[in-house]
Amino acid sequence: MAINRLSRSRTHMQKSESIFKHIDWFTVILYLVLVVAGVFSIYAASYDFDEASIFSFNEFSGKQIRWIGLSLMLGMVLLIVDSRMYETYAYPIYLALLLLLLVTIFIAPDIKGSRSWLVLGSMSLQPAEFAKFATALALAKLFSTYNFNLNSSPRNYLKALLII
């Protein structure tokens, strides 16, 4: 019993190590350099002589740093999650986001002539951005089905078009 737990622990550890081993680190570093350059650009564009702090959450650059940290943590979680989970829940995630988009039309406040932002306390959320991810996930699920060929029949093409 203890040997079985130990082997599962080693398998989990090897899986975790393999996730980071197969990452394209050049692209990750290039991305981080661009993110830092973006924060400095936002800071420079919204610089206030009275409150000159890049890390202040009252400033645009501070808010951007908070969202960057959150997105990096979310990215790590997405890397660690087993890919079969994405395959299993691709269509439910897609349908949930379609429902959220539909709800957004009716409950979102009018912001600059657009009703596309959900206001959750002090935070605003644009469901269309998450819907892009859900659409790509649903298309990937469709395209990965056995013997699926987009050009083999008009029916397959129509399925993909309906998802989009």
C-alpha atoms as a PDB file:
ATOM      1  CA  MET A   1       0.000   0.000   0.000  1.00  0.00           C
ATOM      2  CA  ALA A   2       2.791   2.433   0.917  1.00  0.00           C
ATOM      3  CA  ILE A   3       4.682   1.441  -2.233  1.00  0.00           C
ATOM      4  CA  ASN A   4       1.610   2.195  -4.338  1.00  0.00           C
ATOM      5  CA  ARG A   5       1.291   5.666  -2.781  1.00  0.00           C
ATOM      6  CA  LEU A   6       4.995   6.291  -3.313  1.00  0.00           C
ATOM      7  CA  SER A   7       4.805   5.297  -6.973  1.00  0.00           C
ATOM      8  CA  ARG A   8       1.743   7.534  -7.482  1.00  0.00           C
ATOM      9  CA  SER A   9       3.614  10.385  -5.807  1.00  0.00           C
ATOM     10  CA  ARG A  10       6.623   9.849  -8.094  1.00  0.00           C
ATOM     11  CA  THR A  11       4.350   9.690 -11.142  1.00  0.00           C
ATOM     12  CA  HIS A  12       2.676  12.944 -10.110  1.00  0.00           C
ATOM     13  CA  MET A  13       6.077  14.561  -9.504  1.00  0.00           C
ATOM     14  CA  GLN A  14       7.380  13.362 -12.891  1.00  0.00           C
ATOM     15  CA  LYS A  15       4.241  14.703 -14.555  1.00  0.00           C
ATOM     16  CA  SER A  16       4.719  18.094 -12.862  1.00  0.00           C
ATOM     17  CA  GLU A  17       8.350  18.193 -13.902  1.00  0.00           C
ATOM     18  CA  SER A  18       7.503  17.248 -17.470  1.00  0.00           C
ATOM     19  CA  ILE A  19       5.052  20.153 -17.726  1.00  0.00           C
ATOM     20  CA  PHE A  20       7.809  22.660 -17.069  1.00  0.00           C
ATOM     21  CA  LYS A  21      10.350  20.713 -19.089  1.00  0.00           C
ATOM     22  CA  HIS A  22       8.327  21.038 -22.301  1.00  0.00           C
ATOM     23  CA  ILE A  23       7.569  24.753 -22.028  1.00  0.00           C
ATOM     24  CA  ASP A  24       9.027  26.988 -24.707  1.00  0.00           C
ATOM     25  CA  TRP A  25      11.004  29.175 -22.322  1.00  0.00           C
ATOM     26  CA  PHE A  26      12.154  31.592 -25.031  1.00  0.00           C
ATOM     27  CA  THR A  27       8.536  32.461 -25.770  1.00  0.00           C
ATOM     28  CA  VAL A  28       7.693  32.764 -22.066  1.00  0.00           C
ATOM     29  CA  ILE A  29      10.623  35.126 -21.451  1.00  0.00           C
ATOM     30  CA  LEU A  30       9.767  37.147 -24.551  1.00  0.00           C
ATOM     31  CA  TYR A  31       6.166  37.394 -23.320  1.00  0.00           C
ATOM     32  CA  LEU A  32       7.285  38.569 -19.867  1.00  0.00           C
ATOM     33  CA  VAL A  33       9.569  41.211 -21.414  1.00  0.00           C
ATOM     34  CA  LEU A  34       6.619  42.506 -23.465  1.00  0.00           C
ATOM     35  CA  VAL A  35       4.384  42.518 -20.372  1.00  0.00           C
ATOM     36  CA  VAL A  36       6.923  44.539 -18.376  1.00  0.00           C
ATOM     37  CA  ALA A  37       7.336  46.936 -21.311  1.00  0.00           C
ATOM     38  CA  GLY A  38       3.548  47.299 -21.417  1.00  0.00           C
ATOM     39  CA  VAL A  39       3.388  48.153 -17.707  1.00  0.00           C
ATOM     40  CA  PHE A  40       6.070  50.815 -18.162  1.00  0.00           C
ATOM     41  CA  SER A  41       4.197  52.198 -21.176  1.00  0.00           C
ATOM     42  CA  ILE A  42       0.962  52.419 -19.200  1.00  0.00           C
ATOM     43  CA  TYR A  43       2.812  54.041 -16.321  1.00  0.00           C
ATOM     44  CA  ALA A  44       4.431  56.589 -18.635  1.00  0.00           C
ATOM     45  CA  ALA A  45       1.163  57.374 -20.420  1.00  0.00           C
ATOM     46  CA  SER A  46      -0.763  57.894 -17.184  1.00  0.00           C
ATOM     47  CA  TYR A  47       2.030  59.462 -15.114  1.00  0.00           C
ATOM     48  CA  ASP A  48       0.799  61.807 -12.396  1.00  0.00           C
ATOM     49  CA  PHE A  49       3.356  64.127 -10.802  1.00  0.00           C
ATOM     50  CA  ASP A  50       1.428  64.250  -7.530  1.00  0.00           C
ATOM     51  CA  GLU A  51       1.172  60.467  -7.124  1.00  0.00           C
ATOM     52  CA  ALA A  52       4.179  58.939  -8.828  1.00  0.00           C
ATOM     53  CA  SER A  53       4.043  55.274  -7.807  1.00  0.00           C
ATOM     54  CA  ILE A  54       4.064  52.484 -10.336  1.00  0.00           C
ATOM     55  CA  PHE A  55       2.695  50.003  -7.765  1.00  0.00           C
ATOM     56  CA  SER A  56      -0.228  52.108  -6.526  1.00  0.00           C
ATOM     57  CA  PHE A  57      -3.504  50.294  -7.162  1.00  0.00           C
ATOM     58  CA  ASN A  58      -5.159  53.679  -7.682  1.00  0.00           C
ATOM     59  CA  GLU A  59      -3.083  54.140 -10.835  1.00  0.00           C
ATOM     60  CA  PHE A  60      -3.589  52.310 -14.136  1.00  0.00           C
ATOM     61  CA  SER A  61      -0.148  50.688 -13.914  1.00  0.00           C
ATOM     62  CA  GLY A  62      -0.864  49.279 -10.449  1.00  0.00           C
ATOM     63  CA  LYS A  63      -4.158  47.809 -11.614  1.00  0.00           C
ATOM     64  CA  GLN A  64      -2.366  46.326 -14.615  1.00  0.00           C
ATOM     65  CA  ILE A  65       0.258  44.721 -12.344  1.00  0.00           C
ATOM     66  CA  ARG A  66      -2.531  43.175 -10.253  1.00  0.00           C
ATOM     67  CA  TRP A  67      -4.174  41.691 -13.373  1.00  0.00           C
ATOM     68  CA  ILE A  68      -0.815  40.451 -14.673  1.00  0.00           C
ATOM     69  CA  GLY A  69      -0.192  38.619 -11.396  1.00  0.00           C
ATOM     70  CA  LEU A  70      -3.653  37.086 -11.493  1.00  0.00           C
ATOM     71  CA  SER A  71      -3.248  36.010 -15.110  1.00  0.00           C
ATOM     72  CA  LEU A  72       0.149  34.424 -14.407  1.00  0.00           C
ATOM     73  CA  MET A  73      -1.364  32.407 -11.554  1.00  0.00           C
ATOM     74  CA  LEU A  74      -4.277  31.375 -13.770  1.00  0.00           C
ATOM     75  CA  GLY A  75      -1.832  30.390 -16.508  1.00  0.00           C
ATOM     76  CA  MET A  76       0.034  28.139 -14.078  1.00  0.00           C
ATOM     77  CA  VAL A  77      -3.233  26.486 -13.036  1.00  0.00           C
ATOM     78  CA  LEU A  78      -4.172  25.935 -16.692  1.00  0.00           C
ATOM     79  CA  LEU A  79      -0.805  24.282 -17.319  1.00  0.00           C
ATOM     80  CA  ILE A  80      -1.128  21.979 -14.325  1.00  0.00           C
ATOM     81  CA  VAL A  81      -4.702  20.845 -15.061  1.00  0.00           C
ATOM     82  CA  ASP A  82      -4.863  17.565 -16.946  1.00  0.00           C
ATOM     83  CA  SER A  83      -5.648  18.063 -20.639  1.00  0.00           C
ATOM     84  CA  ARG A  84      -8.398  15.426 -20.479  1.00  0.00           C
ATOM     85  CA  MET A  85     -10.382  17.817 -18.294  1.00  0.00           C
ATOM     86  CA  TYR A  86     -10.470  20.323 -21.144  1.00  0.00           C
ATOM     87  CA  GLU A  87     -11.634  17.608 -23.509  1.00  0.00           C
ATOM     88  CA  THR A  88     -14.331  16.464 -21.107  1.00  0.00           C
ATOM     89  CA  TYR A  89     -15.735  19.892 -20.297  1.00  0.00           C
ATOM     90  CA  ALA A  90     -15.225  21.696 -23.634  1.00  0.00           C
ATOM     91  CA  TYR A  91     -18.883  21.739 -24.649  1.00  0.00           C
ATOM     92  CA  PRO A  92     -20.277  22.526 -21.160  1.00  0.00           C
ATOM     93  CA  ILE A  93     -17.840  25.458 -20.855  1.00  0.00           C
ATOM     94  CA  TYR A  94     -18.898  26.647 -24.305  1.00  0.00           C
ATOM     95  CA  LEU A  95     -22.598  26.429 -23.478  1.00  0.00           C
ATOM     96  CA  ALA A  96     -22.093  28.192 -20.125  1.00  0.00           C
ATOM     97  CA  LEU A  97     -20.299  31.067 -21.854  1.00  0.00           C
ATOM     98  CA  LEU A  98     -23.041  31.317 -24.499  1.00  0.00           C
ATOM     99  CA  LEU A  99     -25.561  31.584 -21.675  1.00  0.00           C
ATOM    100  CA  LEU A 100     -23.432  34.231 -19.947  1.00  0.00           C
ATOM    101  CA  LEU A 101     -23.268  36.226 -23.194  1.00  0.00           C
ATOM    102  CA  LEU A 102     -27.036  36.026 -23.503  1.00  0.00           C
ATOM    103  CA  VAL A 103     -27.517  37.159 -19.899  1.00  0.00           C
ATOM    104  CA  THR A 104     -25.062  40.019 -20.475  1.00  0.00           C
ATOM    105  CA  ILE A 105     -27.373  41.524 -23.088  1.00  0.00           C
ATOM    106  CA  PHE A 106     -30.129  41.945 -20.502  1.00  0.00           C
ATOM    107  CA  ILE A 107     -28.354  42.760 -17.221  1.00  0.00           C
ATOM    108  CA  ALA A 108     -25.230  44.647 -18.287  1.00  0.00           C
ATOM    109  CA  PRO A 109     -25.311  48.409 -17.725  1.00  0.00           C
ATOM    110  CA  ASP A 110     -24.922  50.785 -20.648  1.00  0.00           C
ATOM    111  CA  ILE A 111     -21.251  51.832 -20.639  1.00  0.00           C
ATOM    112  CA  LYS A 112     -20.311  54.284 -23.391  1.00  0.00           C
ATOM    113  CA  GLY A 113     -23.098  52.989 -25.616  1.00  0.00           C
ATOM    114  CA  SER A 114     -22.207  49.322 -25.154  1.00  0.00           C
ATOM    115  CA  ARG A 115     -23.846  46.668 -23.013  1.00  0.00           C
ATOM    116  CA  SER A 116     -20.928  44.235 -22.991  1.00  0.00           C
ATOM    117  CA  TRP A 117     -19.485  44.596 -19.483  1.00  0.00           C
ATOM    118  CA  LEU A 118     -20.769  42.909 -16.338  1.00  0.00           C
ATOM    119  CA  VAL A 119     -20.096  44.961 -13.233  1.00  0.00           C
ATOM    120  CA  LEU A 120     -19.243  42.839 -10.193  1.00  0.00           C
ATOM    121  CA  GLY A 121     -18.666  45.229  -7.315  1.00  0.00           C
ATOM    122  CA  SER A 122     -15.534  47.234  -8.044  1.00  0.00           C
ATOM    123  CA  MET A 123     -14.566  44.933 -10.897  1.00  0.00           C
ATOM    124  CA  SER A 124     -15.857  44.793 -14.463  1.00  0.00           C
ATOM    125  CA  LEU A 125     -15.840  41.654 -16.576  1.00  0.00           C
ATOM    126  CA  GLN A 126     -16.266  41.309 -20.329  1.00  0.00           C
ATOM    127  CA  PRO A 127     -17.670  37.816 -21.038  1.00  0.00           C
ATOM    128  CA  ALA A 128     -16.838  38.063 -24.758  1.00  0.00           C
ATOM    129  CA  GLU A 129     -13.155  37.631 -23.927  1.00  0.00           C
ATOM    130  CA  PHE A 130     -13.840  34.339 -22.150  1.00  0.00           C
ATOM    131  CA  ALA A 131     -16.171  33.298 -24.968  1.00  0.00           C
ATOM    132  CA  LYS A 132     -13.225  33.430 -27.385  1.00  0.00           C
ATOM    133  CA  PHE A 133     -11.429  30.841 -25.273  1.00  0.00           C
ATOM    134  CA  ALA A 134     -14.573  28.704 -24.997  1.00  0.00           C
ATOM    135  CA  THR A 135     -15.126  28.833 -28.763  1.00  0.00           C
ATOM    136  CA  ALA A 136     -11.547  27.750 -29.455  1.00  0.00           C
ATOM    137  CA  LEU A 137     -11.929  24.944 -26.913  1.00  0.00           C
ATOM    138  CA  ALA A 138     -15.203  23.726 -28.478  1.00  0.00           C
ATOM    139  CA  LEU A 139     -13.681  23.835 -31.977  1.00  0.00           C
ATOM    140  CA  ALA A 140     -10.643  21.890 -30.776  1.00  0.00           C
ATOM    141  CA  LYS A 141     -12.956  19.263 -29.272  1.00  0.00           C
ATOM    142  CA  LEU A 142     -14.908  19.024 -32.544  1.00  0.00           C
ATOM    143  CA  PHE A 143     -11.796  18.831 -34.707  1.00  0.00           C
ATOM    144  CA  SER A 144     -10.254  16.130 -32.500  1.00  0.00           C
ATOM    145  CA  THR A 145     -13.167  13.718 -32.896  1.00  0.00           C
ATOM    146  CA  TYR A 146     -12.376  10.482 -34.649  1.00  0.00           C
ATOM    147  CA  ASN A 147     -12.402  10.688 -38.483  1.00  0.00           C
ATOM    148  CA  PHE A 148     -13.297  14.382 -38.487  1.00  0.00           C
ATOM    149  CA  ASN A 149     -12.263  16.122 -41.672  1.00  0.00           C
ATOM    150  CA  LEU A 150     -13.496  19.638 -42.285  1.00  0.00           C
ATOM    151  CA  ASN A 151     -13.455  19.279 -46.069  1.00  0.00           C
ATOM    152  CA  SER A 152     -14.876  15.745 -46.236  1.00  0.00           C
ATOM    153  CA  SER A 153     -18.505  16.767 -45.953  1.00  0.00           C
ATOM    154  CA  PRO A 154     -20.565  19.937 -45.794  1.00  0.00           C
ATOM    155  CA  ARG A 155     -22.071  18.652 -42.541  1.00  0.00           C
ATOM    156  CA  ASN A 156     -18.702  18.838 -40.744  1.00  0.00           C
ATOM    157  CA  TYR A 157     -18.157  22.327 -42.108  1.00  0.00           C
ATOM    158  CA  LEU A 158     -21.617  23.358 -40.889  1.00  0.00           C
ATOM    159  CA  LYS A 159     -20.895  21.984 -37.381  1.00  0.00           C
ATOM    160  CA  ALA A 160     -17.763  24.111 -37.139  1.00  0.00           C
ATOM    161  CA  LEU A 161     -19.587  27.124 -38.520  1.00  0.00           C
ATOM    162  CA  LEU A 162     -22.377  26.714 -35.944  1.00  0.00           C
ATOM    163  CA  ILE A 163     -19.862  26.694 -33.096  1.00  0.00           C
ATOM    164  CA  ILE A 164     -18.299  29.888 -34.400  1.00  0.00           C
END
